[in-house]
Every structure is written in C-alpha cells, then in structure tokens.
Amino acid sequence: MALQVIGSGFGRTGTMSLKRALEQLGFGPCHHMEEVLAHPEQVPHWQAVVAGRAVNWDEVFAGYRSQVDWPGAHVWRELAAAYPQAKVIHTLRPEEQWWKSFSNTIAALLTSSGPNPAPPHILAMMEVAAQIVGPQMLGGDREAALMAFRRRTEQVRAAIPPERLLVFDVAEGWEPLCRFLSVPVPQMPFPRANSTEEFWKLVKGEMH
C-alpha cells in the first residue's frame, strides 16, 4: 500500500484533526505522531532517520494510506519523491495561534528538565523529536520559530507543483479538502481533535 497523501505541515497546525478527516474520507490509516507513540516498533525507524541512516519508506509506512504531522512531515521531500502519485497537504494556521499552541505543548515538553512519567519508547521518541524540531524552534525564541514556520511553507510551495498541493487551514472544513482529493463531502462535522489537554494525555501514555 503506497501513501496517497503526504502531510508537510508542522505539528500543532491541526494535524490530528486532518488525520481524523482523512480516515473518515477513506485515506486511512493515517500516520501521525499519535501512531508512533501507540506503536513502539515505529521508533527505530525514526531513530535511523535522525541518525542519517537509510530507511525503507515502504516499511516505515506499511499499512498506512496517508501521513501527517511530525515525524513524517520532517521528510516531506523524500516522501514526495518516493511516492510521486501522492498528493501533498500543507497544514497552516494563523502564526500567533500556532506559536501559542506549539510553545505550550511540543516546545514545553521537549525543553522540560523535570522528571517525565512517559513510557520508555515515548521518551526515546521525544529525543528524536527534539532533533527533528531543532534548536532553532526550542529555545523559546518566538521569532526564530516563526521564521522556521514561514520557511517551511515557502519551501513546500517552491518544491511541489500547484496541482499536487493543497495549503490548508483545518478551519476551512471539508470543502477544499474534499475538492482536492476528489471525494464527496461528508454529512458529519469536520473533526476537531488534539487540544492542549489531549496532547499532554497522549504523551503520558494515557490515550489509546
């Protein structure tokens, strides 16, 4: 099963909501950090990625039809090349909203110096995530983080042909997503998932 959708957007841009939406539209299972935390066997793949070792993307994404969020978004260029038929969705949200959410969740988690009650495989993945997110986004420097946020969007727009790319704010709902994927609009509301509270439950291993 080859990936049909590749997500290039940073974490905290509505990626969990998009994961749920893609699964409702028939593009599931959708790979997301949630999947890595729920499947410890995924962690060695991403340890290899940050170590610069070769990985087999078909093995990493075996059983998945789509991918969004970190860690997969970190290798969006490689995935776009490996799966040339896949469409690319780049999630965005207003910058200040993103910074507030990112700094209260991912950045706070990865820069915490206190004891962490998370299971061992989650702690191992946090080390990977710190390397993926990078020092330019974990120093508490708002402007550096926003610069990285903007730069990713510019890079994706420059690399991916317009007909293959959807730049998407999940607040837009079903219509642009379904039009891009050529599927009918569901009758149900667009999913809203992964609040700050849900994020912390997930990394503590409390959500399954």
Protein backbone atom coordinates (compact mmCIF):
# COMPACT_ATOMS: atom_id res chain seq x y z
CA MET A 1 0.00 0.00 0.00
CA ALA A 2 1.64 3.25 -1.13
CA LEU A 3 0.98 6.58 0.55
CA GLN A 4 -1.73 8.54 -1.22
CA VAL A 5 -1.48 11.70 0.90
CA ILE A 6 1.65 13.32 2.35
CA GLY A 7 1.43 15.98 5.05
CA SER A 8 4.20 18.58 5.17
CA GLY A 9 2.84 20.89 7.86
CA PHE A 10 4.37 21.38 11.30
CA GLY A 11 2.86 19.84 14.39
CA ARG A 12 0.13 21.94 16.06
CA THR A 13 -1.35 23.02 12.72
CA GLY A 14 -4.46 20.86 13.03
CA THR A 15 -2.71 17.66 12.02
CA MET A 16 -4.71 15.46 14.37
CA SER A 17 -7.96 16.88 13.02
CA LEU A 18 -6.68 16.27 9.48
CA LYS A 19 -5.71 12.70 10.42
CA ARG A 20 -9.26 12.03 11.59
CA ALA A 21 -10.70 13.69 8.48
CA LEU A 22 -8.53 11.67 6.09
CA GLU A 23 -9.51 8.46 7.84
CA GLN A 24 -13.18 9.36 7.52
CA LEU A 25 -12.66 10.01 3.80
CA GLY A 26 -11.11 6.59 3.20
CA PHE A 27 -7.43 7.59 3.27
CA GLY A 28 -6.68 5.76 6.50
CA PRO A 29 -4.96 4.56 8.45
CA CYS A 30 -3.15 7.90 8.65
CA HIS A 31 0.37 8.03 10.11
CA HIS A 32 0.83 10.72 12.78
CA MET A 33 2.93 11.11 15.93
CA GLU A 34 -0.02 9.51 17.74
CA GLU A 35 0.61 6.33 15.74
CA VAL A 36 4.31 6.30 16.62
CA LEU A 37 3.55 6.70 20.31
CA ALA A 38 1.00 3.88 20.12
CA HIS A 39 3.35 1.54 18.22
CA PRO A 40 6.81 1.28 19.83
CA GLU A 41 8.12 -0.68 16.85
CA GLN A 42 7.94 2.56 14.87
CA VAL A 43 10.56 4.32 16.99
CA PRO A 44 13.70 2.65 15.50
CA HIS A 45 12.71 3.86 12.02
CA TRP A 46 12.78 7.47 13.18
CA GLN A 47 15.94 7.00 15.21
CA ALA A 48 17.53 5.85 11.94
CA VAL A 49 16.18 8.92 10.10
CA VAL A 50 17.71 11.43 12.52
CA ALA A 51 20.96 9.43 12.58
CA GLY A 52 21.19 9.81 8.81
CA ARG A 53 20.83 6.11 8.08
CA ALA A 54 18.91 4.83 5.07
CA VAL A 55 15.36 3.69 5.70
CA ASN A 56 12.83 1.85 3.58
CA TRP A 57 9.78 4.11 3.41
CA ASP A 58 7.54 1.20 2.43
CA GLU A 59 8.49 -0.46 5.72
CA VAL A 60 8.02 2.73 7.76
CA PHE A 61 4.57 3.36 6.31
CA ALA A 62 3.45 -0.24 5.85
CA GLY A 63 -0.34 -0.37 6.21
CA TYR A 64 -0.81 3.41 6.00
CA ARG A 65 -2.56 5.28 3.21
CA SER A 66 -1.65 8.76 4.39
CA GLN A 67 0.77 10.65 6.64
CA VAL A 68 0.53 13.94 8.51
CA ASP A 69 2.37 15.62 11.43
CA TRP A 70 5.88 15.09 12.70
CA PRO A 71 7.86 12.90 12.37
CA GLY A 72 6.73 12.20 8.80
CA ALA A 73 6.45 15.88 7.94
CA HIS A 74 10.19 16.18 8.59
CA VAL A 75 10.90 14.06 5.50
CA TRP A 76 8.22 15.50 3.22
CA ARG A 77 10.68 15.99 0.34
CA GLU A 78 11.81 12.37 0.49
CA LEU A 79 8.24 11.11 0.69
CA ALA A 80 7.07 13.30 -2.19
CA ALA A 81 9.86 11.79 -4.31
CA ALA A 82 9.26 8.22 -3.11
CA TYR A 83 5.51 8.42 -3.75
CA PRO A 84 5.16 10.59 -6.87
CA GLN A 85 1.44 9.82 -7.23
CA ALA A 86 0.65 11.04 -3.71
CA LYS A 87 -0.91 14.44 -3.13
CA VAL A 88 0.65 16.84 -0.62
CA ILE A 89 -1.33 18.72 2.04
CA HIS A 90 0.44 21.52 3.86
CA THR A 91 -1.43 22.47 7.02
CA LEU A 92 -1.25 26.04 8.27
CA ARG A 93 -2.89 28.15 10.95
CA PRO A 94 -2.53 31.82 11.94
CA GLU A 95 1.03 32.31 13.15
CA GLU A 96 0.26 33.57 16.63
CA GLN A 97 -2.20 30.74 17.25
CA TRP A 98 0.41 28.23 16.12
CA TRP A 99 3.16 29.74 18.31
CA LYS A 100 0.94 29.74 21.39
CA SER A 101 -0.08 26.11 20.84
CA PHE A 102 3.44 24.95 19.94
CA SER A 103 5.10 26.69 22.89
CA ASN A 104 2.50 25.31 25.34
CA THR A 105 2.82 21.72 24.10
CA ILE A 106 5.71 20.44 21.96
CA ALA A 107 8.27 23.06 22.99
CA ALA A 108 7.31 22.79 26.66
CA LEU A 109 7.57 19.01 26.54
CA LEU A 110 10.91 18.86 24.76
CA THR A 111 12.60 21.52 26.89
CA SER A 112 11.34 20.28 30.26
CA SER A 113 14.10 19.43 32.72
CA GLY A 114 11.85 17.78 35.29
CA PRO A 115 11.02 14.08 35.68
CA ASN A 116 8.87 12.70 32.91
CA PRO A 117 6.33 9.92 33.63
CA ALA A 118 6.10 8.83 29.98
CA PRO A 119 6.80 5.22 28.94
CA PRO A 120 10.37 4.44 27.69
CA HIS A 121 9.51 4.33 23.98
CA ILE A 122 7.85 7.74 24.26
CA LEU A 123 10.94 9.14 25.97
CA ALA A 124 13.05 7.71 23.13
CA MET A 125 10.76 9.34 20.58
CA MET A 126 11.00 12.65 22.42
CA GLU A 127 14.76 12.56 21.81
CA VAL A 128 14.08 12.03 18.12
CA ALA A 129 11.51 14.83 18.10
CA ALA A 130 13.98 17.25 19.67
CA GLN A 131 16.36 16.63 16.77
CA ILE A 132 13.58 16.96 14.21
CA VAL A 133 12.17 20.18 15.62
CA GLY A 134 15.67 21.54 16.09
CA PRO A 135 17.31 24.07 18.36
CA GLN A 136 16.01 27.00 16.31
CA MET A 137 12.49 26.18 17.50
CA LEU A 138 13.14 25.02 21.05
CA GLY A 139 14.99 27.95 22.52
CA GLY A 140 11.87 29.88 23.40
CA ASP A 141 12.69 32.31 20.60
CA ARG A 142 9.37 33.23 19.08
CA GLU A 143 10.81 34.96 16.03
CA ALA A 144 13.16 32.08 15.18
CA ALA A 145 10.31 29.60 15.45
CA LEU A 146 8.00 31.73 13.31
CA MET A 147 10.77 32.11 10.75
CA ALA A 148 11.09 28.32 10.53
CA PHE A 149 7.30 28.06 10.28
CA ARG A 150 7.19 30.51 7.36
CA ARG A 151 10.21 28.96 5.67
CA ARG A 152 8.59 25.51 5.58
CA THR A 153 5.58 26.92 3.73
CA GLU A 154 7.85 28.68 1.22
CA GLN A 155 9.87 25.51 0.66
CA VAL A 156 6.79 23.36 0.07
CA ARG A 157 5.23 25.88 -2.33
CA ALA A 158 8.51 26.05 -4.27
CA ALA A 159 9.00 22.28 -4.47
CA ILE A 160 5.53 20.88 -5.10
CA PRO A 161 3.57 21.65 -8.30
CA PRO A 162 0.35 23.58 -7.56
CA GLU A 163 -1.89 20.83 -8.91
CA ARG A 164 -0.35 18.38 -6.43
CA LEU A 165 -0.50 20.70 -3.40
CA LEU A 166 -3.22 21.90 -1.02
CA VAL A 167 -2.25 24.58 1.50
CA PHE A 168 -4.94 24.02 4.10
CA ASP A 169 -6.23 25.50 7.33
CA VAL A 170 -8.46 22.92 9.02
CA ALA A 171 -10.79 25.79 9.97
CA GLU A 172 -11.81 25.78 6.29
CA GLY A 173 -13.56 22.44 6.83
CA TRP A 174 -14.43 19.73 4.35
CA GLU A 175 -14.93 21.59 1.08
CA PRO A 176 -11.37 22.43 -0.03
CA LEU A 177 -10.05 19.11 1.26
CA CYS A 178 -12.69 17.02 -0.50
CA ARG A 179 -12.36 19.02 -3.72
CA PHE A 180 -8.60 18.46 -3.70
CA LEU A 181 -8.96 14.72 -3.06
CA SER A 182 -11.93 14.34 -5.47
CA VAL A 183 -14.21 12.77 -2.88
CA PRO A 184 -17.74 13.67 -1.70
CA VAL A 185 -18.21 16.00 1.26
CA PRO A 186 -19.40 14.01 4.32
CA GLN A 187 -22.57 14.97 6.17
CA MET A 188 -20.79 14.87 9.54
CA PRO A 189 -18.96 17.86 11.04
CA PHE A 190 -15.25 18.25 10.32
CA PRO A 191 -13.24 16.65 13.18
CA ARG A 192 -11.70 18.83 15.87
CA ALA A 193 -9.03 16.97 17.81
CA ASN A 194 -5.90 17.21 19.96
CA SER A 195 -6.45 20.11 22.27
CA THR A 196 -3.58 21.07 24.57
CA GLU A 197 -5.13 18.90 27.29
CA GLU A 198 -5.39 15.92 24.91
CA PHE A 199 -1.77 16.43 23.85
CA TRP A 200 -0.50 16.00 27.41
CA LYS A 201 -2.62 12.90 27.97
CA LEU A 202 -1.21 11.41 24.77
CA VAL A 203 2.45 11.91 25.67
CA LYS A 204 1.86 10.45 29.14
CA GLY A 205 0.52 7.30 27.52
CA GLU A 206 -2.98 7.88 28.84
CA MET A 207 -4.75 7.90 25.46
CA HIS A 208 -5.09 4.76 23.37
